[in-house]
Amino acid sequence: MMIQDYINSLQLTQQHASLAQLREIQEKHLELYSFSSISALGAEIISLQEEALLERLVHRKKGGYCFEQNKLAYLALEYLGYEVQPLLAKVLLNGQEDNARTHRITLVKLEGESYLFDVGFGSKSPKAPLCVSQSGTIAVGNYQYKVTRTESDVRIELFQPEQVCLYSVSLTPVTEKDFDVVHFYSHQHPESNFVNNLVLSRVVSGQRFTLRNLVYRELHEASQFSTVVEVTSAQQLLSLIRQKFLLNVCTSEAERLFSRAQKSMRLQSA
């Protein structure tokens, strides 16, 4: 298995390193490779080695979260000749500025500009690279983002169609060993969100699909209208995972996930 297997799966029309190709990679990755906490719920150690990533995400279609998705994309961008730098970000969706840096993201330098490339932020993933060379606003389809750039970090806020701060990205260089430590916490610590919740998302043209435990949502970007469905059986969950998120799970795995999600919802409502 090679990183070319992943690149081939995207069926790119842009054949040379460019902003157009970078945009196409991000858009097609988000459509084909769903964000998923399924592996984290399995309690096993998740390898971030290239061979393991390709096997799990590309060939077995198990999905993954930021440390898997963004490393896979990072390896591909590096292979294609882009100047890339992996970084750690502090997720700020809950408004708490003292959160730890637990999100992997990629900085791409292209034609004199710097872009944040992110295919691992779940349902709130931007659908295109964001230019962060300087502070300003960026429109991506129906979504508008505010970029605040300082010498040490970049802050990304979504302000249309909703107002929420996504994350603060430290520009301090990090190594794969730094990621290994945070990745271990994120999929092994008993209090980690991904260890305790079934979280899936997929971003396609004009729509965003999300599943948190047993609540499934379809958001239509243009109207911002959401359809919400309560999942009431393992068979229904299996169908959603396969059809909406394009993930490969068997019946017994869906039954395990359904029971786990039921337990999580009971604990959170207690």
Protein backbone atom coordinates (compact mmCIF):
# COMPACT_ATOMS: atom_id res chain seq x y z
CA MET A 1 0.00 0.00 0.00
CA MET A 2 1.22 3.48 -0.86
CA ILE A 3 0.05 7.05 -0.36
CA GLN A 4 -0.73 7.01 -4.09
CA ASP A 5 -3.67 4.70 -3.26
CA TYR A 6 -5.24 7.54 -1.28
CA ILE A 7 -4.51 10.09 -4.00
CA ASN A 8 -6.01 7.81 -6.65
CA SER A 9 -9.17 7.43 -4.58
CA LEU A 10 -9.78 11.19 -4.81
CA GLN A 11 -9.90 11.08 -8.63
CA LEU A 12 -8.38 14.54 -8.92
CA THR A 13 -8.95 16.59 -12.04
CA GLN A 14 -6.22 19.07 -11.07
CA GLN A 15 -2.93 17.30 -11.82
CA HIS A 16 -0.38 19.82 -10.55
CA ALA A 17 0.31 21.44 -7.19
CA SER A 18 -1.79 24.60 -7.07
CA LEU A 19 -4.44 26.31 -4.98
CA ALA A 20 -7.07 24.75 -7.25
CA GLN A 21 -5.70 21.27 -6.56
CA LEU A 22 -5.43 21.98 -2.83
CA ARG A 23 -9.09 22.98 -2.78
CA GLU A 24 -10.08 19.88 -4.72
CA ILE A 25 -8.19 17.60 -2.34
CA GLN A 26 -9.89 19.13 0.70
CA GLU A 27 -13.37 19.01 -0.81
CA LYS A 28 -13.08 15.44 -2.08
CA HIS A 29 -11.50 14.15 1.12
CA LEU A 30 -14.36 15.55 3.19
CA GLU A 31 -16.86 13.88 0.87
CA LEU A 32 -15.15 10.47 0.74
CA TYR A 33 -13.55 10.06 4.17
CA SER A 34 -15.94 10.52 7.06
CA PHE A 35 -14.86 11.80 10.44
CA SER A 36 -15.40 8.93 12.88
CA SER A 37 -14.74 7.99 16.50
CA ILE A 38 -15.52 4.31 15.87
CA SER A 39 -11.90 3.21 16.24
CA ALA A 40 -11.49 5.25 19.43
CA LEU A 41 -14.52 3.50 20.91
CA GLY A 42 -12.81 0.15 20.32
CA ALA A 43 -10.28 0.70 23.15
CA GLU A 44 -7.35 -0.54 21.04
CA ILE A 45 -4.26 1.57 20.36
CA ILE A 46 -4.70 3.40 17.04
CA SER A 47 -1.51 3.44 15.00
CA LEU A 48 -0.63 6.60 13.07
CA GLN A 49 1.97 4.88 10.91
CA GLU A 50 1.42 5.47 7.19
CA GLU A 51 0.72 1.82 6.36
CA ALA A 52 -1.82 1.52 9.18
CA LEU A 53 -3.57 4.76 8.17
CA LEU A 54 -3.91 3.63 4.57
CA GLU A 55 -5.20 0.22 5.61
CA ARG A 56 -7.75 1.63 8.08
CA LEU A 57 -9.05 4.68 6.22
CA VAL A 58 -8.56 3.92 2.53
CA HIS A 59 -8.86 0.15 2.24
CA ARG A 60 -11.05 -0.88 5.20
CA LYS A 61 -13.07 2.38 5.17
CA LYS A 62 -13.25 2.74 8.94
CA GLY A 63 -13.04 6.53 9.05
CA GLY A 64 -11.01 8.40 11.63
CA TYR A 65 -10.60 11.58 13.63
CA CYS A 66 -8.23 14.53 13.25
CA PHE A 67 -4.96 12.74 14.04
CA GLU A 68 -5.76 10.14 11.40
CA GLN A 69 -7.47 12.27 8.74
CA ASN A 70 -5.08 15.20 8.82
CA LYS A 71 -1.95 13.04 8.97
CA LEU A 72 -3.13 11.07 5.94
CA ALA A 73 -3.75 14.30 4.03
CA TYR A 74 -0.43 15.74 5.27
CA LEU A 75 1.46 12.73 3.89
CA ALA A 76 -0.32 13.09 0.54
CA LEU A 77 0.36 16.82 0.28
CA GLU A 78 4.02 16.25 1.11
CA TYR A 79 4.20 13.51 -1.52
CA LEU A 80 2.64 15.84 -4.11
CA GLY A 81 5.33 18.44 -3.48
CA TYR A 82 3.59 20.95 -1.22
CA GLU A 83 5.50 22.76 1.52
CA VAL A 84 3.65 21.55 4.60
CA GLN A 85 3.98 21.99 8.35
CA PRO A 86 1.90 20.05 10.90
CA LEU A 87 0.56 22.15 13.77
CA LEU A 88 -1.49 21.78 16.95
CA ALA A 89 -4.66 23.78 17.59
CA LYS A 90 -6.74 24.54 20.65
CA VAL A 91 -10.41 23.75 19.96
CA LEU A 92 -12.61 26.61 21.22
CA LEU A 93 -16.13 25.43 20.38
CA ASN A 94 -17.04 25.42 24.08
CA GLY A 95 -15.71 28.96 24.59
CA GLN A 96 -13.06 27.91 27.11
CA GLU A 97 -9.75 29.59 26.36
CA ASP A 98 -7.78 27.27 28.67
CA ASN A 99 -8.47 24.16 26.58
CA ALA A 100 -5.47 22.02 25.72
CA ARG A 101 -4.15 21.82 22.16
CA THR A 102 -5.74 18.59 20.95
CA HIS A 103 -6.38 19.15 17.24
CA ARG A 104 -3.97 18.34 14.42
CA ILE A 105 -4.03 20.65 11.41
CA THR A 106 -1.73 21.39 8.45
CA LEU A 107 -0.17 24.68 7.35
CA VAL A 108 0.52 24.80 3.61
CA LYS A 109 2.79 27.44 2.07
CA LEU A 110 1.97 28.03 -1.57
CA GLU A 111 2.88 30.84 -3.96
CA GLY A 112 3.90 33.19 -1.16
CA GLU A 113 0.78 32.61 0.95
CA SER A 114 0.01 30.45 4.00
CA TYR A 115 -3.11 28.28 4.16
CA LEU A 116 -4.70 26.19 6.89
CA PHE A 117 -5.73 22.83 5.46
CA ASP A 118 -8.11 20.86 7.68
CA VAL A 119 -10.00 17.67 6.83
CA GLY A 120 -10.38 16.50 10.42
CA PHE A 121 -12.67 18.94 12.21
CA GLY A 122 -15.87 17.00 11.79
CA SER A 123 -19.08 18.75 10.80
CA LYS A 124 -17.50 22.20 11.16
CA SER A 125 -14.59 21.51 8.82
CA PRO A 126 -14.11 24.33 6.30
CA LYS A 127 -14.64 23.04 2.76
CA ALA A 128 -11.59 24.86 1.40
CA PRO A 129 -8.13 25.91 2.62
CA LEU A 130 -8.20 29.19 4.55
CA CYS A 131 -5.56 31.81 3.72
CA VAL A 132 -3.97 32.88 7.02
CA SER A 133 -1.11 35.05 5.79
CA GLN A 134 -2.81 38.00 7.45
CA SER A 135 -5.95 38.85 9.38
CA GLY A 136 -9.17 39.22 7.41
CA THR A 137 -12.40 37.54 6.36
CA ILE A 138 -12.84 34.62 3.98
CA ALA A 139 -15.98 33.37 2.24
CA VAL A 140 -16.29 29.66 1.46
CA GLY A 141 -19.66 29.03 -0.14
CA ASN A 142 -22.35 29.99 2.39
CA TYR A 143 -19.82 30.18 5.21
CA GLN A 144 -17.75 33.19 6.25
CA TYR A 145 -14.70 32.98 8.46
CA LYS A 146 -12.73 35.56 10.40
CA VAL A 147 -8.96 35.08 10.55
CA THR A 148 -6.95 36.78 13.30
CA ARG A 149 -3.21 36.38 12.74
CA THR A 150 -0.49 37.18 15.29
CA GLU A 151 3.19 36.26 15.39
CA SER A 152 2.49 33.21 17.52
CA ASP A 153 -0.90 31.90 16.44
CA VAL A 154 -3.90 32.05 14.12
CA ARG A 155 -7.47 32.24 15.40
CA ILE A 156 -10.31 31.01 13.19
CA GLU A 157 -13.89 32.09 13.85
CA LEU A 158 -17.03 31.23 11.91
CA PHE A 159 -19.36 34.24 11.80
CA GLN A 160 -21.85 33.26 9.08
CA PRO A 161 -24.29 31.48 9.17
CA GLU A 162 -23.55 31.14 12.90
CA GLN A 163 -21.07 32.77 15.24
CA VAL A 164 -18.63 30.42 16.93
CA CYS A 165 -14.88 30.36 17.45
CA LEU A 166 -13.46 27.17 15.94
CA TYR A 167 -9.88 27.07 17.14
CA SER A 168 -6.61 28.83 17.84
CA VAL A 169 -3.66 27.35 15.95
CA SER A 170 -0.22 27.64 17.49
CA LEU A 171 2.50 28.40 14.93
CA THR A 172 5.12 26.77 17.15
CA PRO A 173 6.75 23.84 15.31
CA VAL A 174 5.76 20.39 16.58
CA THR A 175 6.98 16.87 15.90
CA GLU A 176 5.22 13.56 15.33
CA LYS A 177 6.13 12.63 18.91
CA ASP A 178 4.15 15.66 20.12
CA PHE A 179 1.15 14.40 18.16
CA ASP A 180 1.60 10.88 19.53
CA VAL A 181 1.17 12.15 23.10
CA VAL A 182 -2.02 14.13 22.38
CA HIS A 183 -3.37 11.38 20.13
CA PHE A 184 -2.88 8.84 22.93
CA TYR A 185 -4.86 11.01 25.34
CA SER A 186 -7.61 11.65 22.78
CA HIS A 187 -8.34 7.97 22.12
CA GLN A 188 -7.32 6.33 25.41
CA HIS A 189 -8.11 8.66 28.32
CA PRO A 190 -11.40 7.65 30.00
CA GLU A 191 -12.65 11.25 29.96
CA SER A 192 -11.94 11.91 26.28
CA ASN A 193 -14.96 12.88 24.19
CA PHE A 194 -14.10 10.32 21.51
CA VAL A 195 -13.76 7.48 24.00
CA ASN A 196 -17.23 8.21 25.37
CA ASN A 197 -19.29 9.17 22.32
CA LEU A 198 -20.06 7.86 18.87
CA VAL A 199 -19.28 10.84 16.64
CA LEU A 200 -19.55 10.76 12.84
CA SER A 201 -19.67 13.47 10.20
CA ARG A 202 -19.43 13.86 6.45
CA VAL A 203 -19.36 17.05 4.40
CA VAL A 204 -20.73 16.81 0.86
CA SER A 205 -21.84 19.35 -1.72
CA GLY A 206 -24.45 21.53 -0.04
CA GLN A 207 -25.00 19.23 2.94
CA ARG A 208 -23.42 18.21 6.22
CA PHE A 209 -24.28 14.88 7.85
CA THR A 210 -23.62 14.34 11.56
CA LEU A 211 -24.29 11.62 14.10
CA ARG A 212 -23.70 12.03 17.82
CA ASN A 213 -24.53 8.83 19.63
CA LEU A 214 -28.10 8.13 18.46
CA VAL A 215 -29.08 11.54 17.07
CA TYR A 216 -28.60 11.95 13.30
CA ARG A 217 -28.76 15.34 11.56
CA GLU A 218 -28.72 16.49 7.96
CA LEU A 219 -27.95 20.18 7.51
CA HIS A 220 -28.73 21.88 4.20
CA GLU A 221 -26.15 24.64 3.89
CA ALA A 222 -28.09 27.10 1.75
CA SER A 223 -31.23 27.20 3.92
CA GLN A 224 -29.57 26.11 7.19
CA PHE A 225 -32.55 23.78 7.61
CA SER A 226 -31.80 20.65 9.63
CA THR A 227 -33.52 17.29 9.58
CA VAL A 228 -33.12 15.43 12.89
CA VAL A 229 -33.69 11.70 13.26
CA GLU A 230 -33.51 9.60 16.42
CA VAL A 231 -31.83 6.25 15.83
CA THR A 232 -33.85 3.52 17.53
CA SER A 233 -32.22 0.26 16.43
CA ALA A 234 -28.85 -1.25 15.57
CA GLN A 235 -30.10 -2.00 12.05
CA GLN A 236 -31.05 1.64 11.51
CA LEU A 237 -27.62 2.67 12.79
CA LEU A 238 -25.93 0.19 10.45
CA SER A 239 -27.80 1.60 7.45
CA LEU A 240 -26.89 5.18 8.35
CA ILE A 241 -23.22 4.39 8.86
CA ARG A 242 -23.00 2.59 5.53
CA GLN A 243 -25.20 4.80 3.37
CA LYS A 244 -24.63 8.30 4.74
CA PHE A 245 -21.07 8.01 6.02
CA LEU A 246 -19.74 5.43 3.53
CA LEU A 247 -18.09 3.44 6.32
CA ASN A 248 -17.61 -0.30 6.39
CA VAL A 249 -19.09 -1.86 9.53
CA CYS A 250 -20.62 -5.28 10.10
CA THR A 251 -23.84 -6.11 11.90
CA SER A 252 -22.15 -7.16 15.14
CA GLU A 253 -20.10 -3.94 15.21
CA ALA A 254 -23.24 -1.86 14.67
CA GLU A 255 -24.90 -3.68 17.56
CA ARG A 256 -21.91 -2.92 19.79
CA LEU A 257 -21.92 0.74 18.76
CA PHE A 258 -25.66 1.02 19.32
CA SER A 259 -25.35 -0.35 22.86
CA ARG A 260 -22.39 1.91 23.57
CA ALA A 261 -24.25 4.99 22.30
CA GLN A 262 -27.32 4.10 24.37
CA LYS A 263 -25.14 3.87 27.48
CA SER A 264 -23.48 7.23 26.72
CA MET A 265 -26.84 8.95 26.33
CA ARG A 266 -28.14 7.47 29.59
CA LEU A 267 -25.07 8.67 31.50
CA GLN A 268 -25.27 12.15 30.01
CA SER A 269 -28.96 12.52 30.86
CA ALA A 270 -28.56 11.30 34.44
